[in-house]
Amino acid sequence: MSLIEIDRDLAREVDALSFSAPVSYVYNPLVYARVPHEQYLERYGAGRKEVLLLGMNPGPFGMAQTGVPFGDVAMVRDWLGIEARVEHPAREHPKRPVLGFSCPRSEISGSRLWGWARDRFARPEAFFARFFVINYIPLAFLEESGRNRTPDKLAALERVALLEACDRALRRSVELIQPKCIVGVGVFARDAATRALSNMDVSIGCMLHPSPASPRANTGWADLAEADLRAAGITL
């Protein structure tokens, strides 16, 4: 079993799900951005990791464009060294087109997270020797207006089926890379890890999400994130 096999299984499972209004469009970058996504897994996901950073789901200008978690185009291309052809979702919102590595917009969450990794570790290989980054949910949800809808706001029954699939994939990923610590990037991801991994011997912590929607994240996110990592017992 490999991370690629785990994510291909997850992609098939979540593609079989349906979501009701106000969700109008569902993007699955594990499918249409499979090439750069699997390049990321192959290049940086091999071997055991000390820490798994767990995000919530793709942002419209991050993983939805590049297939890489927190996948700000410039960071993925220029620091991670990944750039590949990205296809299109089966149904694409006209206000949120998938432009792949031609997307001109930056994802602030991604530029902050990968920018911190670059500034702290210099080389991707040094960061990934200890850390790996994945998203708990692989889907992005858009309303008719083009507004991003976060998974916590999905209808209850739809959310249950989605989380069951994502729990299975997370457990399989953790069994494979055997991290000592899971750090949720935000409370949603921390709570998902706590639920999904309740019977596994891993510690679970939480770090501040780098989204600009969080006022605290706009006041020196990197320093706050490092304080959270230290609180989780992680030495930098």
C-alpha atoms as a PDB file:
ATOM      1  CA  MET A   1       0.000   0.000   0.000  1.00  0.00           C
ATOM      2  CA  SER A   2       1.260   3.490  -0.894  1.00  0.00           C
ATOM      3  CA  LEU A   3       0.014   7.033  -0.380  1.00  0.00           C
ATOM      4  CA  ILE A   4      -0.907   7.091  -4.064  1.00  0.00           C
ATOM      5  CA  GLU A   5      -3.064   3.979  -3.706  1.00  0.00           C
ATOM      6  CA  ILE A   6      -4.706   5.390  -0.580  1.00  0.00           C
ATOM      7  CA  ASP A   7      -5.582   8.638  -2.331  1.00  0.00           C
ATOM      8  CA  ARG A   8      -6.828   6.922  -5.481  1.00  0.00           C
ATOM      9  CA  ASP A   9      -9.169   4.817  -3.348  1.00  0.00           C
ATOM     10  CA  LEU A  10     -10.312   7.936  -1.495  1.00  0.00           C
ATOM     11  CA  ALA A  11     -10.877   9.795  -4.769  1.00  0.00           C
ATOM     12  CA  ARG A  12     -13.181   7.024  -6.001  1.00  0.00           C
ATOM     13  CA  GLU A  13     -15.106   6.922  -2.728  1.00  0.00           C
ATOM     14  CA  VAL A  14     -15.778  10.640  -2.495  1.00  0.00           C
ATOM     15  CA  ASP A  15     -16.613  10.895  -6.199  1.00  0.00           C
ATOM     16  CA  ALA A  16     -19.558   8.586  -5.517  1.00  0.00           C
ATOM     17  CA  LEU A  17     -21.046  11.006  -2.962  1.00  0.00           C
ATOM     18  CA  SER A  18     -23.587  13.735  -3.703  1.00  0.00           C
ATOM     19  CA  PHE A  19     -24.138  17.076  -2.010  1.00  0.00           C
ATOM     20  CA  SER A  20     -27.231  19.256  -1.894  1.00  0.00           C
ATOM     21  CA  ALA A  21     -27.759  23.012  -2.062  1.00  0.00           C
ATOM     22  CA  PRO A  22     -26.265  25.390  -1.213  1.00  0.00           C
ATOM     23  CA  VAL A  23     -23.360  23.291  -2.568  1.00  0.00           C
ATOM     24  CA  SER A  24     -23.543  23.615  -6.361  1.00  0.00           C
ATOM     25  CA  TYR A  25     -20.061  22.556  -7.503  1.00  0.00           C
ATOM     26  CA  VAL A  26     -17.653  20.004  -6.076  1.00  0.00           C
ATOM     27  CA  TYR A  27     -13.992  19.941  -7.134  1.00  0.00           C
ATOM     28  CA  ASN A  28     -11.887  16.806  -6.623  1.00  0.00           C
ATOM     29  CA  PRO A  29      -8.238  17.676  -7.353  1.00  0.00           C
ATOM     30  CA  LEU A  30      -7.202  14.092  -6.607  1.00  0.00           C
ATOM     31  CA  VAL A  31      -8.724  13.385 -10.027  1.00  0.00           C
ATOM     32  CA  TYR A  32      -8.194  16.389 -12.300  1.00  0.00           C
ATOM     33  CA  ALA A  33      -4.872  17.444 -10.684  1.00  0.00           C
ATOM     34  CA  ARG A  34      -3.694  13.871 -10.205  1.00  0.00           C
ATOM     35  CA  VAL A  35      -0.340  14.356 -11.943  1.00  0.00           C
ATOM     36  CA  PRO A  36       1.098  17.095  -9.679  1.00  0.00           C
ATOM     37  CA  HIS A  37      -0.624  15.586  -6.642  1.00  0.00           C
ATOM     38  CA  GLU A  38       1.077  12.249  -7.165  1.00  0.00           C
ATOM     39  CA  GLN A  39       4.382  13.945  -7.937  1.00  0.00           C
ATOM     40  CA  TYR A  40       4.107  15.529  -4.482  1.00  0.00           C
ATOM     41  CA  LEU A  41       3.380  12.173  -2.845  1.00  0.00           C
ATOM     42  CA  GLU A  42       6.182  10.363  -4.683  1.00  0.00           C
ATOM     43  CA  ARG A  43       8.807  13.041  -4.150  1.00  0.00           C
ATOM     44  CA  TYR A  44       8.143  13.953  -0.536  1.00  0.00           C
ATOM     45  CA  GLY A  45       5.899  11.314   1.046  1.00  0.00           C
ATOM     46  CA  ALA A  46       8.242   8.315   1.123  1.00  0.00           C
ATOM     47  CA  GLY A  47       9.327   6.818   4.420  1.00  0.00           C
ATOM     48  CA  ARG A  48       8.351   7.420   8.005  1.00  0.00           C
ATOM     49  CA  LYS A  49       7.659  10.939   9.235  1.00  0.00           C
ATOM     50  CA  GLU A  50       7.896  12.394  12.693  1.00  0.00           C
ATOM     51  CA  VAL A  51       5.047  14.899  12.281  1.00  0.00           C
ATOM     52  CA  LEU A  52       1.978  14.918  10.062  1.00  0.00           C
ATOM     53  CA  LEU A  53       0.434  18.347   9.496  1.00  0.00           C
ATOM     54  CA  LEU A  54      -3.238  17.845   8.685  1.00  0.00           C
ATOM     55  CA  GLY A  55      -5.217  20.500   6.825  1.00  0.00           C
ATOM     56  CA  MET A  56      -8.980  20.625   6.378  1.00  0.00           C
ATOM     57  CA  ASN A  57      -9.703  20.657   2.619  1.00  0.00           C
ATOM     58  CA  PRO A  58      -8.491  22.332  -0.596  1.00  0.00           C
ATOM     59  CA  GLY A  59      -8.641  26.083  -0.960  1.00  0.00           C
ATOM     60  CA  PRO A  60      -9.954  27.431  -4.291  1.00  0.00           C
ATOM     61  CA  PHE A  61      -6.599  29.056  -5.137  1.00  0.00           C
ATOM     62  CA  GLY A  62      -4.395  26.396  -3.559  1.00  0.00           C
ATOM     63  CA  MET A  63      -4.833  22.646  -3.806  1.00  0.00           C
ATOM     64  CA  ALA A  64      -7.836  23.155  -6.101  1.00  0.00           C
ATOM     65  CA  GLN A  65      -5.369  24.613  -8.622  1.00  0.00           C
ATOM     66  CA  THR A  66      -2.179  22.602  -8.046  1.00  0.00           C
ATOM     67  CA  GLY A  67      -3.209  19.325  -6.386  1.00  0.00           C
ATOM     68  CA  VAL A  68      -0.830  19.987  -3.482  1.00  0.00           C
ATOM     69  CA  PRO A  69      -2.106  20.709   0.051  1.00  0.00           C
ATOM     70  CA  PHE A  70      -1.968  24.443   0.799  1.00  0.00           C
ATOM     71  CA  GLY A  71      -0.783  24.575  -2.784  1.00  0.00           C
ATOM     72  CA  ASP A  72      -0.071  28.209  -3.527  1.00  0.00           C
ATOM     73  CA  VAL A  73       1.154  28.189  -7.132  1.00  0.00           C
ATOM     74  CA  ALA A  74       4.409  30.074  -6.553  1.00  0.00           C
ATOM     75  CA  MET A  75       5.374  27.974  -3.538  1.00  0.00           C
ATOM     76  CA  VAL A  76       4.585  24.669  -5.226  1.00  0.00           C
ATOM     77  CA  ARG A  77       6.436  25.588  -8.402  1.00  0.00           C
ATOM     78  CA  ASP A  78       9.379  27.534  -7.032  1.00  0.00           C
ATOM     79  CA  TRP A  79      10.077  25.885  -3.675  1.00  0.00           C
ATOM     80  CA  LEU A  80       8.652  22.376  -3.964  1.00  0.00           C
ATOM     81  CA  GLY A  81       9.773  22.158  -7.592  1.00  0.00           C
ATOM     82  CA  ILE A  82       6.500  20.705  -8.840  1.00  0.00           C
ATOM     83  CA  GLU A  83       4.700  21.854 -11.977  1.00  0.00           C
ATOM     84  CA  ALA A  84       2.547  19.702 -14.246  1.00  0.00           C
ATOM     85  CA  ARG A  85      -0.538  19.783 -16.399  1.00  0.00           C
ATOM     86  CA  VAL A  86      -3.825  20.140 -14.532  1.00  0.00           C
ATOM     87  CA  GLU A  87      -7.121  19.140 -16.144  1.00  0.00           C
ATOM     88  CA  HIS A  88     -10.574  20.481 -15.246  1.00  0.00           C
ATOM     89  CA  PRO A  89     -13.351  19.346 -12.914  1.00  0.00           C
ATOM     90  CA  ALA A  90     -16.326  17.680 -14.579  1.00  0.00           C
ATOM     91  CA  ARG A  91     -18.407  20.749 -13.694  1.00  0.00           C
ATOM     92  CA  GLU A  92     -16.563  24.020 -13.313  1.00  0.00           C
ATOM     93  CA  HIS A  93     -17.901  27.206 -11.791  1.00  0.00           C
ATOM     94  CA  PRO A  94     -17.437  30.088 -14.246  1.00  0.00           C
ATOM     95  CA  LYS A  95     -16.279  32.353 -11.409  1.00  0.00           C
ATOM     96  CA  ARG A  96     -13.808  29.787 -10.064  1.00  0.00           C
ATOM     97  CA  PRO A  97     -12.032  28.305 -13.083  1.00  0.00           C
ATOM     98  CA  VAL A  98      -9.226  25.824 -12.576  1.00  0.00           C
ATOM     99  CA  LEU A  99      -6.220  27.381 -14.284  1.00  0.00           C
ATOM    100  CA  GLY A 100      -3.634  25.102 -12.726  1.00  0.00           C
ATOM    101  CA  PHE A 101      -0.164  26.586 -12.572  1.00  0.00           C
ATOM    102  CA  SER A 102      -1.369  29.535 -14.655  1.00  0.00           C
ATOM    103  CA  CYS A 103      -3.581  30.703 -11.792  1.00  0.00           C
ATOM    104  CA  PRO A 104      -2.551  34.309 -11.093  1.00  0.00           C
ATOM    105  CA  ARG A 105      -3.952  34.434  -7.563  1.00  0.00           C
ATOM    106  CA  SER A 106      -1.962  33.549  -4.495  1.00  0.00           C
ATOM    107  CA  GLU A 107      -3.380  31.410  -1.703  1.00  0.00           C
ATOM    108  CA  ILE A 108      -2.341  33.235   1.434  1.00  0.00           C
ATOM    109  CA  SER A 109      -2.697  30.173   3.669  1.00  0.00           C
ATOM    110  CA  GLY A 110      -0.345  28.269   1.372  1.00  0.00           C
ATOM    111  CA  SER A 111       2.160  31.064   1.003  1.00  0.00           C
ATOM    112  CA  ARG A 112       2.303  31.360   4.788  1.00  0.00           C
ATOM    113  CA  LEU A 113       2.627  27.642   5.551  1.00  0.00           C
ATOM    114  CA  TRP A 114       5.144  26.771   2.845  1.00  0.00           C
ATOM    115  CA  GLY A 115       6.890  30.111   3.329  1.00  0.00           C
ATOM    116  CA  TRP A 116       7.429  29.201   6.976  1.00  0.00           C
ATOM    117  CA  ALA A 117       8.781  25.773   5.986  1.00  0.00           C
ATOM    118  CA  ARG A 118      11.159  27.407   3.508  1.00  0.00           C
ATOM    119  CA  ASP A 119      12.371  30.029   5.972  1.00  0.00           C
ATOM    120  CA  ARG A 120      12.823  27.518   8.796  1.00  0.00           C
ATOM    121  CA  PHE A 121      14.290  24.547   6.868  1.00  0.00           C
ATOM    122  CA  ALA A 122      15.724  26.186   3.697  1.00  0.00           C
ATOM    123  CA  ARG A 123      15.402  23.047   1.534  1.00  0.00           C
ATOM    124  CA  PRO A 124      12.251  20.974   0.995  1.00  0.00           C
ATOM    125  CA  GLU A 125      14.238  17.803   1.694  1.00  0.00           C
ATOM    126  CA  ALA A 126      15.096  19.039   5.194  1.00  0.00           C
ATOM    127  CA  PHE A 127      11.469  19.822   5.976  1.00  0.00           C
ATOM    128  CA  PHE A 128      10.099  16.563   4.589  1.00  0.00           C
ATOM    129  CA  ALA A 129      12.684  14.486   6.408  1.00  0.00           C
ATOM    130  CA  ARG A 130      10.581  15.165   9.510  1.00  0.00           C
ATOM    131  CA  PHE A 131       7.239  16.534   8.328  1.00  0.00           C
ATOM    132  CA  PHE A 132       4.530  15.749   5.816  1.00  0.00           C
ATOM    133  CA  VAL A 133       1.404  17.719   4.912  1.00  0.00           C
ATOM    134  CA  ILE A 134      -1.933  16.335   3.760  1.00  0.00           C
ATOM    135  CA  ASN A 135      -5.558  17.434   3.743  1.00  0.00           C
ATOM    136  CA  TYR A 136      -8.159  15.450   5.632  1.00  0.00           C
ATOM    137  CA  ILE A 137     -10.892  16.067   3.024  1.00  0.00           C
ATOM    138  CA  PRO A 138      -9.853  16.128  -0.659  1.00  0.00           C
ATOM    139  CA  LEU A 139     -12.884  18.031  -1.981  1.00  0.00           C
ATOM    140  CA  ALA A 140     -13.574  21.745  -2.416  1.00  0.00           C
ATOM    141  CA  PHE A 141     -17.198  22.889  -2.237  1.00  0.00           C
ATOM    142  CA  LEU A 142     -18.594  25.945  -4.028  1.00  0.00           C
ATOM    143  CA  GLU A 143     -21.965  27.623  -3.748  1.00  0.00           C
ATOM    144  CA  GLU A 144     -23.840  28.954  -6.770  1.00  0.00           C
ATOM    145  CA  SER A 145     -22.381  32.408  -6.112  1.00  0.00           C
ATOM    146  CA  GLY A 146     -18.846  30.979  -6.241  1.00  0.00           C
ATOM    147  CA  ARG A 147     -18.412  31.308  -2.509  1.00  0.00           C
ATOM    148  CA  ASN A 148     -16.297  28.606  -0.864  1.00  0.00           C
ATOM    149  CA  ARG A 149     -18.303  26.429   1.546  1.00  0.00           C
ATOM    150  CA  THR A 150     -16.332  24.744   4.301  1.00  0.00           C
ATOM    151  CA  PRO A 151     -17.005  21.079   5.168  1.00  0.00           C
ATOM    152  CA  ASP A 152     -18.321  21.864   8.649  1.00  0.00           C
ATOM    153  CA  LYS A 153     -21.287  23.588   6.990  1.00  0.00           C
ATOM    154  CA  LEU A 154     -22.363  20.607   4.881  1.00  0.00           C
ATOM    155  CA  ALA A 155     -25.687  18.901   5.545  1.00  0.00           C
ATOM    156  CA  ALA A 156     -25.367  16.474   8.461  1.00  0.00           C
ATOM    157  CA  LEU A 157     -26.045  13.212   6.604  1.00  0.00           C
ATOM    158  CA  GLU A 158     -23.817  14.219   3.694  1.00  0.00           C
ATOM    159  CA  ARG A 159     -21.049  15.099   6.112  1.00  0.00           C
ATOM    160  CA  VAL A 160     -21.271  11.713   7.860  1.00  0.00           C
ATOM    161  CA  ALA A 161     -20.680   9.738   4.652  1.00  0.00           C
ATOM    162  CA  LEU A 162     -17.817  12.028   3.638  1.00  0.00           C
ATOM    163  CA  LEU A 163     -16.089  11.858   7.009  1.00  0.00           C
ATOM    164  CA  GLU A 164     -16.317   8.069   7.143  1.00  0.00           C
ATOM    165  CA  ALA A 165     -14.362   7.836   3.889  1.00  0.00           C
ATOM    166  CA  CYS A 166     -11.838  10.438   5.007  1.00  0.00           C
ATOM    167  CA  ASP A 167     -11.365   8.754   8.389  1.00  0.00           C
ATOM    168  CA  ARG A 168     -10.456   5.482   6.667  1.00  0.00           C
ATOM    169  CA  ALA A 169      -7.956   7.192   4.385  1.00  0.00           C
ATOM    170  CA  LEU A 170      -6.375   9.088   7.283  1.00  0.00           C
ATOM    171  CA  ARG A 171      -5.949   5.920   9.325  1.00  0.00           C
ATOM    172  CA  ARG A 172      -4.328   4.153   6.385  1.00  0.00           C
ATOM    173  CA  SER A 173      -1.979   7.081   5.789  1.00  0.00           C
ATOM    174  CA  VAL A 174      -0.953   7.191   9.448  1.00  0.00           C
ATOM    175  CA  GLU A 175      -0.355   3.432   9.500  1.00  0.00           C
ATOM    176  CA  LEU A 176       1.920   3.870   6.490  1.00  0.00           C
ATOM    177  CA  ILE A 177       4.058   6.848   7.493  1.00  0.00           C
ATOM    178  CA  GLN A 178       3.891   6.180  11.267  1.00  0.00           C
ATOM    179  CA  PRO A 179       4.171   9.733  12.624  1.00  0.00           C
ATOM    180  CA  LYS A 180       4.658  10.301  16.327  1.00  0.00           C
ATOM    181  CA  CYS A 181       2.436  13.364  16.273  1.00  0.00           C
ATOM    182  CA  ILE A 182      -0.507  14.612  14.220  1.00  0.00           C
ATOM    183  CA  VAL A 183      -0.939  18.376  14.231  1.00  0.00           C
ATOM    184  CA  GLY A 184      -4.261  19.688  12.999  1.00  0.00           C
ATOM    185  CA  VAL A 185      -3.852  22.923  11.083  1.00  0.00           C
ATOM    186  CA  GLY A 186      -6.902  24.444  12.693  1.00  0.00           C
ATOM    187  CA  VAL A 187      -9.475  23.056  15.121  1.00  0.00           C
ATOM    188  CA  PHE A 188     -11.539  21.187  12.506  1.00  0.00           C
ATOM    189  CA  ALA A 189      -8.548  19.095  11.434  1.00  0.00           C
ATOM    190  CA  ARG A 190      -7.467  18.481  15.031  1.00  0.00           C
ATOM    191  CA  ASP A 191     -10.950  17.248  15.944  1.00  0.00           C
ATOM    192  CA  ALA A 192     -11.050  15.031  12.842  1.00  0.00           C
ATOM    193  CA  ALA A 193      -7.735  13.428  13.801  1.00  0.00           C
ATOM    194  CA  THR A 194      -8.883  12.945  17.398  1.00  0.00           C
ATOM    195  CA  ARG A 195     -11.984  11.097  16.216  1.00  0.00           C
ATOM    196  CA  ALA A 196     -10.439   9.068  13.401  1.00  0.00           C
ATOM    197  CA  LEU A 197      -7.307   8.002  15.298  1.00  0.00           C
ATOM    198  CA  SER A 198      -8.786   7.380  18.743  1.00  0.00           C
ATOM    199  CA  ASN A 199      -7.453   3.808  18.844  1.00  0.00           C
ATOM    200  CA  MET A 200      -3.990   4.597  17.500  1.00  0.00           C
ATOM    201  CA  ASP A 201      -0.834   5.368  19.451  1.00  0.00           C
ATOM    202  CA  VAL A 202      -0.199   8.916  18.256  1.00  0.00           C
ATOM    203  CA  SER A 203      -0.261  12.261  19.987  1.00  0.00           C
ATOM    204  CA  ILE A 204      -2.510  14.946  18.545  1.00  0.00           C
ATOM    205  CA  GLY A 205      -1.945  18.677  18.693  1.00  0.00           C
ATOM    206  CA  CYS A 206      -3.226  21.810  17.012  1.00  0.00           C
ATOM    207  CA  MET A 207      -1.659  24.821  15.365  1.00  0.00           C
ATOM    208  CA  LEU A 208      -3.207  28.089  14.280  1.00  0.00           C
ATOM    209  CA  HIS A 209      -4.600  27.979  10.751  1.00  0.00           C
ATOM    210  CA  PRO A 210      -2.785  30.437   8.454  1.00  0.00           C
ATOM    211  CA  SER A 211      -5.996  31.706   6.826  1.00  0.00           C
ATOM    212  CA  PRO A 212      -6.277  35.507   6.626  1.00  0.00           C
ATOM    213  CA  ALA A 213      -9.860  35.044   7.867  1.00  0.00           C
ATOM    214  CA  SER A 214      -8.320  34.515  11.308  1.00  0.00           C
ATOM    215  CA  PRO A 215      -7.376  37.858  12.900  1.00  0.00           C
ATOM    216  CA  ARG A 216      -4.626  36.179  14.962  1.00  0.00           C
ATOM    217  CA  ALA A 217      -3.065  34.677  11.842  1.00  0.00           C
ATOM    218  CA  ASN A 218      -2.570  38.187  10.473  1.00  0.00           C
ATOM    219  CA  THR A 219      -0.337  39.186  13.372  1.00  0.00           C
ATOM    220  CA  GLY A 220       2.786  37.106  12.878  1.00  0.00           C
ATOM    221  CA  TRP A 221       1.413  33.657  11.986  1.00  0.00           C
ATOM    222  CA  ALA A 222       4.794  31.902  11.768  1.00  0.00           C
ATOM    223  CA  ASP A 223       5.790  32.756  15.349  1.00  0.00           C
ATOM    224  CA  LEU A 224       2.381  31.698  16.665  1.00  0.00           C
ATOM    225  CA  ALA A 225       2.505  28.460  14.678  1.00  0.00           C
ATOM    226  CA  GLU A 226       5.949  27.617  16.044  1.00  0.00           C
ATOM    227  CA  ALA A 227       4.693  28.235  19.581  1.00  0.00           C
ATOM    228  CA  ASP A 228       1.858  25.791  18.901  1.00  0.00           C
ATOM    229  CA  LEU A 229       4.285  23.192  17.584  1.00  0.00           C
ATOM    230  CA  ARG A 230       6.488  23.539  20.650  1.00  0.00           C
ATOM    231  CA  ALA A 231       3.404  23.146  22.840  1.00  0.00           C
ATOM    232  CA  ALA A 232       2.709  19.885  20.996  1.00  0.00           C
ATOM    233  CA  GLY A 233       6.177  18.666  21.972  1.00  0.00           C
ATOM    234  CA  ILE A 234       7.850  19.258  18.614  1.00  0.00           C
ATOM    235  CA  THR A 235      11.397  20.599  18.654  1.00  0.00           C
ATOM    236  CA  LEU A 236      12.351  22.862  15.774  1.00  0.00           C
END
